[in-house]
Structures are given as C-alpha cells and as structure tokens.
Amino acid sequence: MAAEEIIPVVVEFTGGLEMLFADQRKHTLAVPAKDEEGKPVTVGWLVNYLCEKVMKDSRKEMFVLDGHVRPGILVLINDADWELEGEASYALQPKDNILFVSTLHGG
C-alpha cells in the first residue's frame, strides 16, 4: 500500500486568535487525507487537530466551545464563509486556505 496521503493546507488566525497559537498568524500544515475511520478529513477534524497539535495556549475554550468553533469566530474556506461550504463537514482539499477570524473583542 502507498504511503499515507497528505493534504497541504494553510490555516490563518486573526482578530486576536493568533495569541492562542504562539502569536503565529499563518500555519502551513500537512494533514492526513483520511481520518482514523478512513473518511476524508474535514474542517471539524482540523479544528480538533489544531487544538490537540498546534495550539500552545491552554485556553482552548477561547477557540472551541462544546466541541464546536466558538460563536463569534468566523471561519472562511478559500475566502468563502464556511456556512456556504457545509461548515465542519467540509472535506479539506489540497492547498485550501482556512481562516479563523475572531469578532469578539473585550478585556
């Protein structure tokens, strides 16, 4: 069997979210094409992956609430609102650009 297929994606954080990811706004990642069950990886899978493998900050609740991207965080897939793409069920494609923008401001 061939080596596990990898999908290159770019993930970006703005609006203050970058502080949760070591103040790094742009992350170029190589993620597996299939999840543990052999299904194509989705944005929902990516969010979990970001929390487990990429996020350096312990305040995961600033990004995810009850297993979902926190309300007030816009998610754009290749510059389109993820609601137009199927939200968390969107299957990642090579060279996708996923942008997380916090619209929450406060002290």
C-alpha atoms as a PDB file:
ATOM      1  CA  MET A   1       0.000   0.000   0.000  1.00  0.00           C
ATOM      2  CA  ALA A   2       1.191   3.519  -0.765  1.00  0.00           C
ATOM      3  CA  ALA A   3       2.331   5.880   1.946  1.00  0.00           C
ATOM      4  CA  GLU A   4      -0.419   7.792   3.692  1.00  0.00           C
ATOM      5  CA  GLU A   5      -1.695  10.592   1.515  1.00  0.00           C
ATOM      6  CA  ILE A   6      -1.058  14.083   2.879  1.00  0.00           C
ATOM      7  CA  ILE A   7      -3.031  17.258   2.171  1.00  0.00           C
ATOM      8  CA  PRO A   8      -1.196  20.604   2.358  1.00  0.00           C
ATOM      9  CA  VAL A   9      -3.380  23.340   3.858  1.00  0.00           C
ATOM     10  CA  VAL A  10      -2.799  26.857   5.134  1.00  0.00           C
ATOM     11  CA  VAL A  11      -4.520  27.879   8.354  1.00  0.00           C
ATOM     12  CA  GLU A  12      -4.619  31.524   9.437  1.00  0.00           C
ATOM     13  CA  PHE A  13      -5.771  33.205  12.633  1.00  0.00           C
ATOM     14  CA  THR A  14      -6.695  36.887  13.060  1.00  0.00           C
ATOM     15  CA  GLY A  15      -8.652  39.099  15.400  1.00  0.00           C
ATOM     16  CA  GLY A  16      -6.607  38.014  18.410  1.00  0.00           C
ATOM     17  CA  LEU A  17      -6.859  34.246  17.872  1.00  0.00           C
ATOM     18  CA  GLU A  18      -3.205  34.135  16.837  1.00  0.00           C
ATOM     19  CA  MET A  19      -2.267  34.611  20.509  1.00  0.00           C
ATOM     20  CA  LEU A  20      -3.578  31.097  21.178  1.00  0.00           C
ATOM     21  CA  PHE A  21      -1.246  29.735  18.509  1.00  0.00           C
ATOM     22  CA  ALA A  22       2.088  31.108  19.753  1.00  0.00           C
ATOM     23  CA  ASP A  23       1.387  34.513  18.149  1.00  0.00           C
ATOM     24  CA  GLN A  24       1.814  32.919  14.747  1.00  0.00           C
ATOM     25  CA  ARG A  25      -0.823  34.101  12.322  1.00  0.00           C
ATOM     26  CA  LYS A  26      -0.160  31.707   9.440  1.00  0.00           C
ATOM     27  CA  HIS A  27       0.431  27.964   9.726  1.00  0.00           C
ATOM     28  CA  THR A  28       1.297  25.774   6.744  1.00  0.00           C
ATOM     29  CA  LEU A  29       0.249  22.262   7.683  1.00  0.00           C
ATOM     30  CA  ALA A  30       0.418  18.815   6.114  1.00  0.00           C
ATOM     31  CA  VAL A  31      -2.532  16.800   7.389  1.00  0.00           C
ATOM     32  CA  PRO A  32      -3.546  13.231   6.567  1.00  0.00           C
ATOM     33  CA  ALA A  33      -6.086  12.916   3.764  1.00  0.00           C
ATOM     34  CA  LYS A  34      -8.140  10.423   5.806  1.00  0.00           C
ATOM     35  CA  ASP A  35      -9.178  10.361   9.442  1.00  0.00           C
ATOM     36  CA  GLU A  36      -8.916   7.405  11.831  1.00  0.00           C
ATOM     37  CA  GLU A  37     -12.020   5.846  10.248  1.00  0.00           C
ATOM     38  CA  GLY A  38     -10.684   6.203   6.693  1.00  0.00           C
ATOM     39  CA  LYS A  39     -13.020   9.093   5.840  1.00  0.00           C
ATOM     40  CA  PRO A  40     -11.804  12.320   4.192  1.00  0.00           C
ATOM     41  CA  VAL A  41     -10.642  14.832   6.811  1.00  0.00           C
ATOM     42  CA  THR A  42     -12.996  17.746   7.389  1.00  0.00           C
ATOM     43  CA  VAL A  43     -12.792  21.228   8.845  1.00  0.00           C
ATOM     44  CA  GLY A  44     -14.290  19.750  12.026  1.00  0.00           C
ATOM     45  CA  TRP A  45     -11.400  17.272  12.178  1.00  0.00           C
ATOM     46  CA  LEU A  46      -8.970  20.138  11.508  1.00  0.00           C
ATOM     47  CA  VAL A  47     -10.350  22.190  14.417  1.00  0.00           C
ATOM     48  CA  ASN A  48      -9.730  19.256  16.768  1.00  0.00           C
ATOM     49  CA  TYR A  49      -6.262  18.743  15.273  1.00  0.00           C
ATOM     50  CA  LEU A  50      -5.445  22.425  15.794  1.00  0.00           C
ATOM     51  CA  CYS A  51      -6.452  22.170  19.460  1.00  0.00           C
ATOM     52  CA  GLU A  52      -4.501  18.954  20.041  1.00  0.00           C
ATOM     53  CA  LYS A  53      -1.351  19.516  17.985  1.00  0.00           C
ATOM     54  CA  VAL A  54      -0.937  23.202  17.093  1.00  0.00           C
ATOM     55  CA  MET A  55      -2.411  25.299  19.915  1.00  0.00           C
ATOM     56  CA  LYS A  56       0.205  26.215  22.507  1.00  0.00           C
ATOM     57  CA  ASP A  57      -2.200  28.056  24.815  1.00  0.00           C
ATOM     58  CA  SER A  58      -4.184  26.138  27.448  1.00  0.00           C
ATOM     59  CA  ARG A  59      -7.301  28.281  26.939  1.00  0.00           C
ATOM     60  CA  LYS A  60      -8.932  26.055  24.328  1.00  0.00           C
ATOM     61  CA  GLU A  61     -12.354  27.445  25.300  1.00  0.00           C
ATOM     62  CA  MET A  62     -11.321  30.706  23.603  1.00  0.00           C
ATOM     63  CA  PHE A  63     -11.404  28.795  20.290  1.00  0.00           C
ATOM     64  CA  VAL A  64     -13.723  25.819  20.817  1.00  0.00           C
ATOM     65  CA  LEU A  65     -16.861  25.533  22.910  1.00  0.00           C
ATOM     66  CA  ASP A  66     -18.696  22.212  23.366  1.00  0.00           C
ATOM     67  CA  GLY A  67     -16.673  20.645  20.554  1.00  0.00           C
ATOM     68  CA  HIS A  68     -17.520  23.364  18.027  1.00  0.00           C
ATOM     69  CA  VAL A  69     -15.820  26.545  16.874  1.00  0.00           C
ATOM     70  CA  ARG A  70     -16.847  29.170  19.402  1.00  0.00           C
ATOM     71  CA  PRO A  71     -19.684  31.543  18.421  1.00  0.00           C
ATOM     72  CA  GLY A  72     -18.208  34.858  17.311  1.00  0.00           C
ATOM     73  CA  ILE A  73     -15.438  33.228  15.294  1.00  0.00           C
ATOM     74  CA  LEU A  74     -15.876  33.494  11.552  1.00  0.00           C
ATOM     75  CA  VAL A  75     -14.481  30.627   9.516  1.00  0.00           C
ATOM     76  CA  LEU A  76     -13.591  31.239   5.875  1.00  0.00           C
ATOM     77  CA  ILE A  77     -12.681  28.459   3.478  1.00  0.00           C
ATOM     78  CA  ASN A  78     -10.800  29.887   0.498  1.00  0.00           C
ATOM     79  CA  ASP A  79     -12.309  33.317   1.267  1.00  0.00           C
ATOM     80  CA  ALA A  80     -15.908  31.986   1.407  1.00  0.00           C
ATOM     81  CA  ASP A  81     -17.998  31.728   4.571  1.00  0.00           C
ATOM     82  CA  TRP A  82     -17.869  28.131   5.737  1.00  0.00           C
ATOM     83  CA  GLU A  83     -21.683  28.123   6.001  1.00  0.00           C
ATOM     84  CA  LEU A  84     -21.686  28.088   2.193  1.00  0.00           C
ATOM     85  CA  GLU A  85     -19.319  25.104   2.171  1.00  0.00           C
ATOM     86  CA  GLY A  86     -21.024  22.810   4.681  1.00  0.00           C
ATOM     87  CA  GLU A  87     -19.329  24.158   7.828  1.00  0.00           C
ATOM     88  CA  ALA A  88     -17.484  21.496   9.876  1.00  0.00           C
ATOM     89  CA  SER A  89     -18.404  18.739   7.396  1.00  0.00           C
ATOM     90  CA  TYR A  90     -16.448  20.382   4.532  1.00  0.00           C
ATOM     91  CA  ALA A  91     -13.823  17.908   3.291  1.00  0.00           C
ATOM     92  CA  LEU A  92     -10.386  19.505   3.100  1.00  0.00           C
ATOM     93  CA  GLN A  93      -8.803  19.812  -0.328  1.00  0.00           C
ATOM     94  CA  PRO A  94      -5.116  20.277  -1.178  1.00  0.00           C
ATOM     95  CA  LYS A  95      -3.999  23.917  -0.846  1.00  0.00           C
ATOM     96  CA  ASP A  96      -7.172  25.011   0.954  1.00  0.00           C
ATOM     97  CA  ASN A  97      -6.844  28.208   2.972  1.00  0.00           C
ATOM     98  CA  ILE A  98      -8.806  28.125   6.222  1.00  0.00           C
ATOM     99  CA  LEU A  99      -9.085  31.463   8.030  1.00  0.00           C
ATOM    100  CA  PHE A 100     -10.384  31.852  11.576  1.00  0.00           C
ATOM    101  CA  VAL A 101     -11.353  35.431  12.479  1.00  0.00           C
ATOM    102  CA  SER A 102     -12.403  36.370  15.992  1.00  0.00           C
ATOM    103  CA  THR A 103     -15.101  39.017  16.060  1.00  0.00           C
ATOM    104  CA  LEU A 104     -15.062  39.017  19.873  1.00  0.00           C
ATOM    105  CA  HIS A 105     -13.428  41.992  21.491  1.00  0.00           C
ATOM    106  CA  GLY A 106     -13.107  42.860  25.116  1.00  0.00           C
ATOM    107  CA  GLY A 107     -10.858  42.955  28.119  1.00  0.00           C
END
